[in-house]
Amino acid sequence: MMARKDWDTYFMDIAYMASTRSQCSRRHVGAVLVQGKKLLGTAYNGAPMGVPDCSEAGCMLVEEYELVASDGKEQVVKKQRCIRTIHAEQNLLLFTDREDREGSVVYVTDQPCWTCANMLANSGVSEIVFHRPYPKDTDKVRALMEQREMTFRQLENYEPPVGTVSEVKN
């Protein structure tokens, strides 16, 4: 008989299942909203409804420059990001109610980026649980979560369901 999954594993599995709906060629992300042990919403990253997604129209890449400090030296790093898709966390906030978010937990396959972390910090959510790190924004997102006194934790020994993980391209 298979052992019963703990709640973190159960809800993260559902987030990974949601991520399989994504058509993004760079990263499939899923998110779920949980209050108590009740699932209140699921979401994934993708283009707005009725608009061609990246698999149909290609990525809509923009170039950005970021000042990065490393070993006491600052350097400008050129980065590309796709602006065609709405992030899973943003879709989750768009399709759930504020009162459902108060004191709830968001399980997300990937650590939220800075913009999504900012939105979640102001959404009523009290905890964010993620699996895969997003090193670019880790330090500033962690600092934000500490300032907001929100629980922010990574499931490090978690194994996603077979067939739900796509290659991540940054």
N, C-alpha and C. Protein backbone atom coordinates (compact mmCIF):
# COMPACT_ATOMS: atom_id res chain seq x y z
N MET A 1 0.84 -1.19 0.00
CA MET A 1 0.00 0.00 0.00
C MET A 1 0.88 1.25 0.00
N MET A 2 0.57 2.21 -0.86
CA MET A 2 1.36 3.43 -0.96
C MET A 2 1.12 4.32 0.27
N ALA A 3 2.20 4.90 0.78
CA ALA A 3 2.09 5.80 1.93
C ALA A 3 1.30 7.05 1.54
N ARG A 4 0.55 7.54 2.48
CA ARG A 4 -0.24 8.75 2.25
C ARG A 4 0.69 9.96 2.16
N LYS A 5 0.45 10.83 1.19
CA LYS A 5 1.29 12.01 1.01
C LYS A 5 0.99 13.04 2.09
N ASP A 6 2.03 13.79 2.50
CA ASP A 6 1.80 14.89 3.43
C ASP A 6 1.18 16.04 2.64
N TRP A 7 0.64 17.04 3.36
CA TRP A 7 -0.09 18.13 2.72
C TRP A 7 0.79 18.95 1.77
N ASP A 8 2.03 19.23 2.17
CA ASP A 8 2.92 19.99 1.28
C ASP A 8 3.11 19.28 -0.05
N THR A 9 3.36 17.98 0.01
CA THR A 9 3.56 17.20 -1.21
C THR A 9 2.29 17.18 -2.05
N TYR A 10 1.16 16.96 -1.41
CA TYR A 10 -0.12 16.92 -2.10
C TYR A 10 -0.39 18.21 -2.87
N PHE A 11 -0.25 19.35 -2.19
CA PHE A 11 -0.55 20.62 -2.86
C PHE A 11 0.51 21.01 -3.88
N MET A 12 1.76 20.67 -3.64
CA MET A 12 2.79 20.96 -4.64
C MET A 12 2.58 20.08 -5.87
N ASP A 13 2.15 18.82 -5.67
CA ASP A 13 1.82 17.97 -6.82
C ASP A 13 0.74 18.63 -7.68
N ILE A 14 -0.26 19.22 -7.05
CA ILE A 14 -1.33 19.88 -7.80
C ILE A 14 -0.78 21.10 -8.55
N ALA A 15 0.13 21.84 -7.93
CA ALA A 15 0.76 22.98 -8.61
C ALA A 15 1.51 22.49 -9.86
N TYR A 16 2.24 21.38 -9.72
CA TYR A 16 2.96 20.84 -10.89
C TYR A 16 1.99 20.36 -11.96
N MET A 17 0.86 19.78 -11.57
CA MET A 17 -0.14 19.38 -12.55
C MET A 17 -0.68 20.60 -13.29
N ALA A 18 -0.93 21.69 -12.56
CA ALA A 18 -1.40 22.93 -13.19
C ALA A 18 -0.36 23.43 -14.19
N SER A 19 0.92 23.29 -13.86
CA SER A 19 1.99 23.79 -14.75
C SER A 19 1.99 23.09 -16.10
N THR A 20 1.41 21.90 -16.18
CA THR A 20 1.41 21.18 -17.46
C THR A 20 0.49 21.83 -18.49
N ARG A 21 -0.34 22.78 -18.07
CA ARG A 21 -1.20 23.53 -18.99
C ARG A 21 -0.44 24.65 -19.69
N SER A 22 0.71 25.04 -19.18
CA SER A 22 1.48 26.15 -19.73
C SER A 22 1.99 25.82 -21.13
N GLN A 23 1.96 26.81 -22.01
CA GLN A 23 2.50 26.67 -23.36
C GLN A 23 3.82 27.44 -23.51
N CYS A 24 4.34 27.97 -22.41
CA CYS A 24 5.58 28.73 -22.45
C CYS A 24 6.75 27.80 -22.77
N SER A 25 7.59 28.19 -23.70
CA SER A 25 8.73 27.34 -24.06
C SER A 25 9.92 27.53 -23.12
N ARG A 26 9.86 28.54 -22.27
CA ARG A 26 10.99 28.82 -21.39
C ARG A 26 10.84 28.25 -19.98
N ARG A 27 9.60 28.20 -19.48
CA ARG A 27 9.39 27.76 -18.10
C ARG A 27 7.90 27.46 -17.90
N HIS A 28 7.58 26.29 -17.38
CA HIS A 28 6.20 25.94 -17.02
C HIS A 28 6.08 26.12 -15.51
N VAL A 29 5.16 27.00 -15.10
CA VAL A 29 4.97 27.28 -13.67
C VAL A 29 3.50 27.09 -13.33
N GLY A 30 3.27 26.46 -12.19
CA GLY A 30 1.91 26.28 -11.68
C GLY A 30 1.84 26.82 -10.26
N ALA A 31 0.64 27.28 -9.88
CA ALA A 31 0.43 27.81 -8.53
C ALA A 31 -0.96 27.41 -8.04
N VAL A 32 -1.07 27.18 -6.75
CA VAL A 32 -2.37 26.88 -6.15
C VAL A 32 -2.56 27.69 -4.88
N LEU A 33 -3.81 28.03 -4.60
CA LEU A 33 -4.17 28.76 -3.39
C LEU A 33 -4.88 27.81 -2.45
N VAL A 34 -4.40 27.77 -1.20
CA VAL A 34 -4.94 26.84 -0.21
C VAL A 34 -5.25 27.61 1.07
N GLN A 35 -6.46 27.39 1.59
CA GLN A 35 -6.81 27.97 2.89
C GLN A 35 -7.19 26.82 3.80
N GLY A 36 -6.45 26.69 4.92
CA GLY A 36 -6.61 25.49 5.73
C GLY A 36 -6.11 24.33 4.91
N LYS A 37 -6.95 23.37 4.64
CA LYS A 37 -6.59 22.27 3.74
C LYS A 37 -7.49 22.28 2.51
N LYS A 38 -8.12 23.42 2.26
CA LYS A 38 -9.08 23.55 1.16
C LYS A 38 -8.44 24.23 -0.04
N LEU A 39 -8.50 23.57 -1.19
CA LEU A 39 -7.96 24.11 -2.44
C LEU A 39 -8.95 25.13 -3.00
N LEU A 40 -8.50 26.38 -3.18
CA LEU A 40 -9.39 27.45 -3.62
C LEU A 40 -9.12 27.94 -5.03
N GLY A 41 -8.00 27.55 -5.62
CA GLY A 41 -7.73 28.00 -6.98
C GLY A 41 -6.44 27.41 -7.51
N THR A 42 -6.36 27.29 -8.83
CA THR A 42 -5.14 26.85 -9.51
C THR A 42 -4.87 27.80 -10.67
N ALA A 43 -3.61 27.91 -11.07
CA ALA A 43 -3.25 28.77 -12.19
C ALA A 43 -1.91 28.32 -12.77
N TYR A 44 -1.64 28.80 -13.97
CA TYR A 44 -0.36 28.52 -14.63
C TYR A 44 0.01 29.74 -15.46
N ASN A 45 1.26 29.79 -15.92
CA ASN A 45 1.70 30.93 -16.72
C ASN A 45 1.28 30.75 -18.18
N GLY A 46 0.90 31.86 -18.78
CA GLY A 46 0.51 31.82 -20.18
C GLY A 46 0.02 33.16 -20.68
N ALA A 47 -0.21 33.24 -21.97
CA ALA A 47 -0.72 34.47 -22.59
C ALA A 47 -2.15 34.72 -22.12
N PRO A 48 -2.61 35.96 -22.20
CA PRO A 48 -4.01 36.24 -21.85
C PRO A 48 -4.96 35.39 -22.70
N MET A 49 -6.16 35.13 -22.16
CA MET A 49 -7.16 34.33 -22.87
C MET A 49 -7.46 34.93 -24.23
N GLY A 50 -7.53 34.06 -25.23
CA GLY A 50 -7.89 34.50 -26.58
C GLY A 50 -6.75 35.10 -27.38
N VAL A 51 -5.55 35.11 -26.81
CA VAL A 51 -4.38 35.69 -27.48
C VAL A 51 -3.40 34.55 -27.78
N PRO A 52 -2.77 34.53 -28.96
CA PRO A 52 -1.80 33.47 -29.26
C PRO A 52 -0.71 33.40 -28.18
N ASP A 53 -0.35 32.19 -27.80
CA ASP A 53 0.70 32.03 -26.79
C ASP A 53 2.05 31.83 -27.46
N CYS A 54 3.07 31.61 -26.66
CA CYS A 54 4.44 31.49 -27.18
C CYS A 54 4.60 30.33 -28.15
N SER A 55 3.87 29.23 -27.92
CA SER A 55 3.99 28.08 -28.82
C SER A 55 3.41 28.40 -30.20
N GLU A 56 2.47 29.36 -30.26
CA GLU A 56 1.85 29.73 -31.53
C GLU A 56 2.52 30.95 -32.18
N ALA A 57 2.91 31.91 -31.37
CA ALA A 57 3.42 33.18 -31.90
C ALA A 57 4.89 33.45 -31.57
N GLY A 58 5.51 32.55 -30.82
CA GLY A 58 6.89 32.76 -30.41
C GLY A 58 6.98 33.63 -29.17
N CYS A 59 8.12 33.58 -28.51
CA CYS A 59 8.32 34.39 -27.32
C CYS A 59 8.40 35.87 -27.72
N MET A 60 7.93 36.73 -26.86
CA MET A 60 8.00 38.17 -27.06
C MET A 60 9.11 38.67 -26.12
N LEU A 61 10.34 38.54 -26.59
CA LEU A 61 11.49 38.83 -25.74
C LEU A 61 11.84 40.31 -25.73
N VAL A 62 12.18 40.79 -24.55
CA VAL A 62 12.72 42.14 -24.40
C VAL A 62 14.07 41.99 -23.71
N GLU A 63 14.95 42.92 -24.01
CA GLU A 63 16.26 42.92 -23.37
C GLU A 63 16.27 43.95 -22.26
N GLU A 64 16.85 43.57 -21.15
CA GLU A 64 16.97 44.47 -20.00
C GLU A 64 18.40 44.42 -19.51
N TYR A 65 18.78 45.48 -18.87
CA TYR A 65 20.11 45.55 -18.27
C TYR A 65 19.94 45.67 -16.76
N GLU A 66 20.73 44.88 -16.04
CA GLU A 66 20.63 44.87 -14.58
C GLU A 66 22.01 45.08 -13.99
N LEU A 67 22.08 45.93 -12.97
CA LEU A 67 23.33 46.16 -12.25
C LEU A 67 23.47 45.08 -11.19
N VAL A 68 24.52 44.26 -11.30
CA VAL A 68 24.72 43.14 -10.39
C VAL A 68 26.03 43.35 -9.64
N ALA A 69 25.97 43.19 -8.31
CA ALA A 69 27.18 43.29 -7.48
C ALA A 69 27.68 41.88 -7.18
N SER A 70 28.96 41.66 -7.43
CA SER A 70 29.56 40.36 -7.17
C SER A 70 31.01 40.57 -6.72
N ASP A 71 31.35 40.01 -5.59
CA ASP A 71 32.70 40.16 -5.03
C ASP A 71 33.11 41.62 -4.90
N GLY A 72 32.18 42.46 -4.50
CA GLY A 72 32.47 43.87 -4.29
C GLY A 72 32.56 44.70 -5.56
N LYS A 73 32.32 44.07 -6.71
CA LYS A 73 32.37 44.79 -7.98
C LYS A 73 30.97 44.81 -8.60
N GLU A 74 30.65 45.93 -9.23
CA GLU A 74 29.37 46.03 -9.93
C GLU A 74 29.60 45.85 -11.42
N GLN A 75 28.69 45.13 -12.04
CA GLN A 75 28.76 44.99 -13.49
C GLN A 75 27.35 45.00 -14.06
N VAL A 76 27.25 45.43 -15.30
CA VAL A 76 25.96 45.47 -15.99
C VAL A 76 25.80 44.15 -16.73
N VAL A 77 24.67 43.49 -16.49
CA VAL A 77 24.38 42.20 -17.12
C VAL A 77 23.16 42.36 -18.02
N LYS A 78 23.29 41.89 -19.27
CA LYS A 78 22.17 41.94 -20.20
C LYS A 78 21.34 40.68 -20.03
N LYS A 79 20.03 40.85 -19.89
CA LYS A 79 19.12 39.72 -19.70
C LYS A 79 17.99 39.82 -20.70
N GLN A 80 17.42 38.67 -21.03
CA GLN A 80 16.23 38.62 -21.87
C GLN A 80 15.10 38.03 -21.06
N ARG A 81 13.89 38.55 -21.26
CA ARG A 81 12.72 37.94 -20.65
C ARG A 81 11.55 38.05 -21.59
N CYS A 82 10.65 37.11 -21.46
CA CYS A 82 9.46 37.10 -22.31
C CYS A 82 8.35 37.88 -21.61
N ILE A 83 7.72 38.78 -22.35
CA ILE A 83 6.64 39.57 -21.78
C ILE A 83 5.27 39.17 -22.34
N ARG A 84 5.22 38.07 -23.09
CA ARG A 84 3.94 37.61 -23.64
C ARG A 84 3.07 36.97 -22.56
N THR A 85 3.69 36.31 -21.59
CA THR A 85 2.93 35.53 -20.62
C THR A 85 2.65 36.27 -19.33
N ILE A 86 1.52 35.93 -18.73
CA ILE A 86 1.18 36.36 -17.38
C ILE A 86 1.69 35.25 -16.47
N HIS A 87 2.39 35.61 -15.41
CA HIS A 87 2.94 34.61 -14.51
C HIS A 87 1.84 33.86 -13.76
N ALA A 88 2.14 32.64 -13.35
CA ALA A 88 1.16 31.79 -12.66
C ALA A 88 0.61 32.48 -11.41
N GLU A 89 1.49 33.13 -10.64
CA GLU A 89 1.06 33.80 -9.41
C GLU A 89 0.10 34.95 -9.73
N GLN A 90 0.39 35.67 -10.81
CA GLN A 90 -0.47 36.78 -11.21
C GLN A 90 -1.85 36.25 -11.63
N ASN A 91 -1.87 35.17 -12.42
CA ASN A 91 -3.14 34.57 -12.81
C ASN A 91 -3.91 34.07 -11.58
N LEU A 92 -3.20 33.51 -10.62
CA LEU A 92 -3.86 33.04 -9.40
C LEU A 92 -4.54 34.20 -8.67
N LEU A 93 -3.87 35.34 -8.60
CA LEU A 93 -4.45 36.51 -7.95
C LEU A 93 -5.63 37.07 -8.75
N LEU A 94 -5.54 37.01 -10.07
CA LEU A 94 -6.62 37.52 -10.91
C LEU A 94 -7.89 36.69 -10.79
N PHE A 95 -7.74 35.40 -10.53
CA PHE A 95 -8.90 34.50 -10.55
C PHE A 95 -9.31 33.99 -9.18
N THR A 96 -8.86 34.65 -8.12
CA THR A 96 -9.31 34.30 -6.76
C THR A 96 -9.76 35.58 -6.06
N ASP A 97 -10.55 35.41 -5.02
CA ASP A 97 -11.09 36.55 -4.27
C ASP A 97 -10.20 36.91 -3.09
N ARG A 98 -10.17 38.20 -2.78
CA ARG A 98 -9.36 38.71 -1.67
C ARG A 98 -9.69 37.99 -0.36
N GLU A 99 -10.97 37.80 -0.07
CA GLU A 99 -11.31 37.16 1.21
C GLU A 99 -10.82 35.71 1.27
N ASP A 100 -10.72 35.04 0.12
CA ASP A 100 -10.18 33.68 0.10
C ASP A 100 -8.67 33.68 0.33
N ARG A 101 -8.02 34.77 -0.03
CA ARG A 101 -6.55 34.84 0.11
C ARG A 101 -6.11 35.18 1.53
N GLU A 102 -6.96 35.82 2.31
CA GLU A 102 -6.57 36.25 3.66
C GLU A 102 -6.11 35.06 4.49
N GLY A 103 -4.83 35.09 4.90
CA GLY A 103 -4.27 34.04 5.75
C GLY A 103 -4.01 32.72 5.04
N SER A 104 -4.07 32.72 3.71
CA SER A 104 -3.92 31.47 2.97
C SER A 104 -2.47 31.22 2.56
N VAL A 105 -2.26 30.07 1.91
CA VAL A 105 -0.94 29.63 1.46
C VAL A 105 -0.96 29.51 -0.06
N VAL A 106 0.10 29.97 -0.70
CA VAL A 106 0.29 29.75 -2.13
C VAL A 106 1.41 28.73 -2.30
N TYR A 107 1.10 27.67 -2.99
CA TYR A 107 2.11 26.68 -3.40
C TYR A 107 2.42 26.99 -4.85
N VAL A 108 3.70 27.17 -5.17
CA VAL A 108 4.10 27.51 -6.53
C VAL A 108 5.32 26.69 -6.90
N THR A 109 5.35 26.17 -8.13
CA THR A 109 6.43 25.28 -8.55
C THR A 109 7.79 25.98 -8.49
N ASP A 110 7.82 27.28 -8.77
CA ASP A 110 9.06 28.04 -8.81
C ASP A 110 8.98 29.23 -7.87
N GLN A 111 10.11 29.56 -7.28
CA GLN A 111 10.14 30.73 -6.40
C GLN A 111 9.65 31.95 -7.17
N PRO A 112 8.76 32.75 -6.59
CA PRO A 112 8.27 33.92 -7.29
C PRO A 112 9.37 34.92 -7.65
N CYS A 113 9.22 35.54 -8.81
CA CYS A 113 10.11 36.63 -9.20
C CYS A 113 9.80 37.84 -8.32
N TRP A 114 10.57 38.89 -8.45
CA TRP A 114 10.38 40.08 -7.64
C TRP A 114 8.98 40.67 -7.80
N THR A 115 8.50 40.80 -9.04
CA THR A 115 7.18 41.39 -9.27
C THR A 115 6.08 40.55 -8.63
N CYS A 116 6.13 39.24 -8.83
CA CYS A 116 5.10 38.37 -8.25
C CYS A 116 5.19 38.36 -6.73
N ALA A 117 6.39 38.38 -6.19
CA ALA A 117 6.55 38.42 -4.73
C ALA A 117 5.93 39.69 -4.17
N ASN A 118 6.14 40.82 -4.84
CA ASN A 118 5.53 42.09 -4.43
C ASN A 118 4.01 41.97 -4.42
N MET A 119 3.45 41.39 -5.47
CA MET A 119 2.01 41.25 -5.56
C MET A 119 1.47 40.32 -4.47
N LEU A 120 2.16 39.20 -4.26
CA LEU A 120 1.73 38.26 -3.22
C LEU A 120 1.83 38.87 -1.83
N ALA A 121 2.86 39.71 -1.62
CA ALA A 121 3.05 40.37 -0.33
C ALA A 121 1.89 41.29 0.01
N ASN A 122 1.18 41.76 -1.00
CA ASN A 122 0.08 42.70 -0.80
C ASN A 122 -1.29 42.04 -1.01
N SER A 123 -1.31 40.72 -1.12
CA SER A 123 -2.54 40.01 -1.53
C SER A 123 -3.36 39.43 -0.39
N GLY A 124 -2.80 39.42 0.82
CA GLY A 124 -3.48 38.78 1.94
C GLY A 124 -2.93 37.41 2.27
N VAL A 125 -2.13 36.85 1.38
CA VAL A 125 -1.51 35.55 1.59
C VAL A 125 -0.54 35.63 2.76
N SER A 126 -0.46 34.58 3.57
CA SER A 126 0.45 34.61 4.71
C SER A 126 1.67 33.71 4.53
N GLU A 127 1.63 32.82 3.53
CA GLU A 127 2.74 31.89 3.34
C GLU A 127 2.90 31.56 1.86
N ILE A 128 4.16 31.44 1.44
CA ILE A 128 4.49 31.01 0.08
C ILE A 128 5.42 29.80 0.19
N VAL A 129 5.03 28.72 -0.47
CA VAL A 129 5.83 27.49 -0.49
C VAL A 129 6.20 27.24 -1.95
N PHE A 130 7.49 27.04 -2.23
CA PHE A 130 7.92 26.82 -3.61
C PHE A 130 8.88 25.65 -3.66
N HIS A 131 9.12 25.15 -4.88
CA HIS A 131 10.05 24.04 -5.06
C HIS A 131 11.36 24.49 -5.70
N ARG A 132 11.29 24.94 -6.95
CA ARG A 132 12.52 25.29 -7.67
C ARG A 132 12.93 26.73 -7.35
N PRO A 133 14.22 26.95 -7.10
CA PRO A 133 14.68 28.31 -6.79
C PRO A 133 14.71 29.19 -8.04
N TYR A 134 14.70 30.48 -7.83
CA TYR A 134 14.88 31.48 -8.89
C TYR A 134 15.98 32.40 -8.39
N PRO A 135 17.25 31.98 -8.57
CA PRO A 135 18.39 32.66 -7.92
C PRO A 135 18.49 34.15 -8.21
N LYS A 136 18.03 34.59 -9.37
CA LYS A 136 18.15 36.01 -9.74
C LYS A 136 17.52 36.92 -8.68
N ASP A 137 16.39 36.50 -8.11
CA ASP A 137 15.65 37.36 -7.19
C ASP A 137 15.63 36.87 -5.74
N THR A 138 16.32 35.78 -5.44
CA THR A 138 16.22 35.15 -4.12
C THR A 138 16.46 36.10 -2.96
N ASP A 139 17.56 36.82 -2.98
CA ASP A 139 17.91 37.66 -1.83
C ASP A 139 16.89 38.75 -1.57
N LYS A 140 16.50 39.47 -2.62
CA LYS A 140 15.56 40.58 -2.40
C LYS A 140 14.16 40.07 -2.07
N VAL A 141 13.76 38.93 -2.64
CA VAL A 141 12.44 38.36 -2.33
C VAL A 141 12.41 37.89 -0.87
N ARG A 142 13.48 37.20 -0.43
CA ARG A 142 13.56 36.76 0.97
C ARG A 142 13.48 37.95 1.93
N ALA A 143 14.19 39.01 1.60
CA ALA A 143 14.17 40.21 2.45
C ALA A 143 12.76 40.79 2.52
N LEU A 144 12.06 40.83 1.39
CA LEU A 144 10.69 41.33 1.36
C LEU A 144 9.78 40.47 2.25
N MET A 145 9.91 39.16 2.14
CA MET A 145 9.07 38.26 2.93
C MET A 145 9.33 38.44 4.43
N GLU A 146 10.60 38.65 4.79
CA GLU A 146 10.93 38.90 6.20
C GLU A 146 10.31 40.21 6.68
N GLN A 147 10.39 41.25 5.85
CA GLN A 147 9.79 42.54 6.22
C GLN A 147 8.29 42.42 6.41
N ARG A 148 7.64 41.62 5.58
CA ARG A 148 6.19 41.43 5.65
C ARG A 148 5.80 40.38 6.69
N GLU A 149 6.80 39.74 7.28
CA GLU A 149 6.58 38.66 8.26
C GLU A 149 5.74 37.53 7.67
N MET A 150 6.04 37.20 6.41
CA MET A 150 5.38 36.10 5.72
C MET A 150 6.28 34.88 5.74
N THR A 151 5.68 33.72 5.90
CA THR A 151 6.45 32.48 5.82
C THR A 151 6.80 32.24 4.36
N PHE A 152 8.07 31.94 4.11
CA PHE A 152 8.58 31.76 2.75
C PHE A 152 9.53 30.58 2.80
N ARG A 153 9.11 29.45 2.21
CA ARG A 153 9.95 28.27 2.34
C ARG A 153 9.99 27.43 1.07
N GLN A 154 11.12 26.77 0.93
CA GLN A 154 11.37 25.91 -0.22
C GLN A 154 11.22 24.45 0.20
N LEU A 155 10.54 23.64 -0.62
CA LEU A 155 10.47 22.20 -0.40
C LEU A 155 11.68 21.59 -1.11
N GLU A 156 12.74 21.37 -0.38
CA GLU A 156 14.00 20.94 -1.00
C GLU A 156 14.06 19.47 -1.36
N ASN A 157 13.42 18.60 -0.60
CA ASN A 157 13.49 17.16 -0.88
C ASN A 157 12.26 16.64 -1.60
N TYR A 158 11.53 17.54 -2.20
CA TYR A 158 10.30 17.20 -2.92
C TYR A 158 10.63 16.63 -4.30
N GLU A 159 9.86 15.63 -4.73
CA GLU A 159 9.99 15.06 -6.07
C GLU A 159 8.68 15.27 -6.83
N PRO A 160 8.68 16.07 -7.90
CA PRO A 160 7.44 16.31 -8.66
C PRO A 160 6.91 15.03 -9.30
N PRO A 161 5.61 14.99 -9.57
CA PRO A 161 5.04 13.82 -10.25
C PRO A 161 5.71 13.58 -11.60
N VAL A 162 5.85 12.34 -11.98
CA VAL A 162 6.46 11.96 -13.26
C VAL A 162 5.71 12.62 -14.40
N GLY A 163 6.47 13.20 -15.33
CA GLY A 163 5.88 13.79 -16.52
C GLY A 163 5.41 15.23 -16.38
N THR A 164 5.67 15.85 -15.21
CA THR A 164 5.18 17.21 -15.02
C THR A 164 6.27 18.27 -15.10
N VAL A 165 7.52 17.85 -15.20
CA VAL A 165 8.62 18.83 -15.18
C VAL A 165 9.14 19.05 -16.60
N SER A 166 9.20 20.31 -17.00
CA SER A 166 9.78 20.66 -18.29
C SER A 166 11.13 21.32 -18.03
N GLU A 167 11.97 21.33 -19.06
CA GLU A 167 13.27 21.99 -18.94
C GLU A 167 13.08 23.49 -18.75
N VAL A 168 13.85 24.07 -17.85
CA VAL A 168 13.76 25.49 -17.58
C VAL A 168 14.83 26.21 -18.39
N LYS A 169 14.41 27.25 -19.14
CA LYS A 169 15.33 28.07 -19.90
C LYS A 169 15.22 29.48 -19.37
N ASN A 170 16.30 30.02 -18.88
CA ASN A 170 16.27 31.40 -18.34
C ASN A 170 16.63 32.41 -19.40
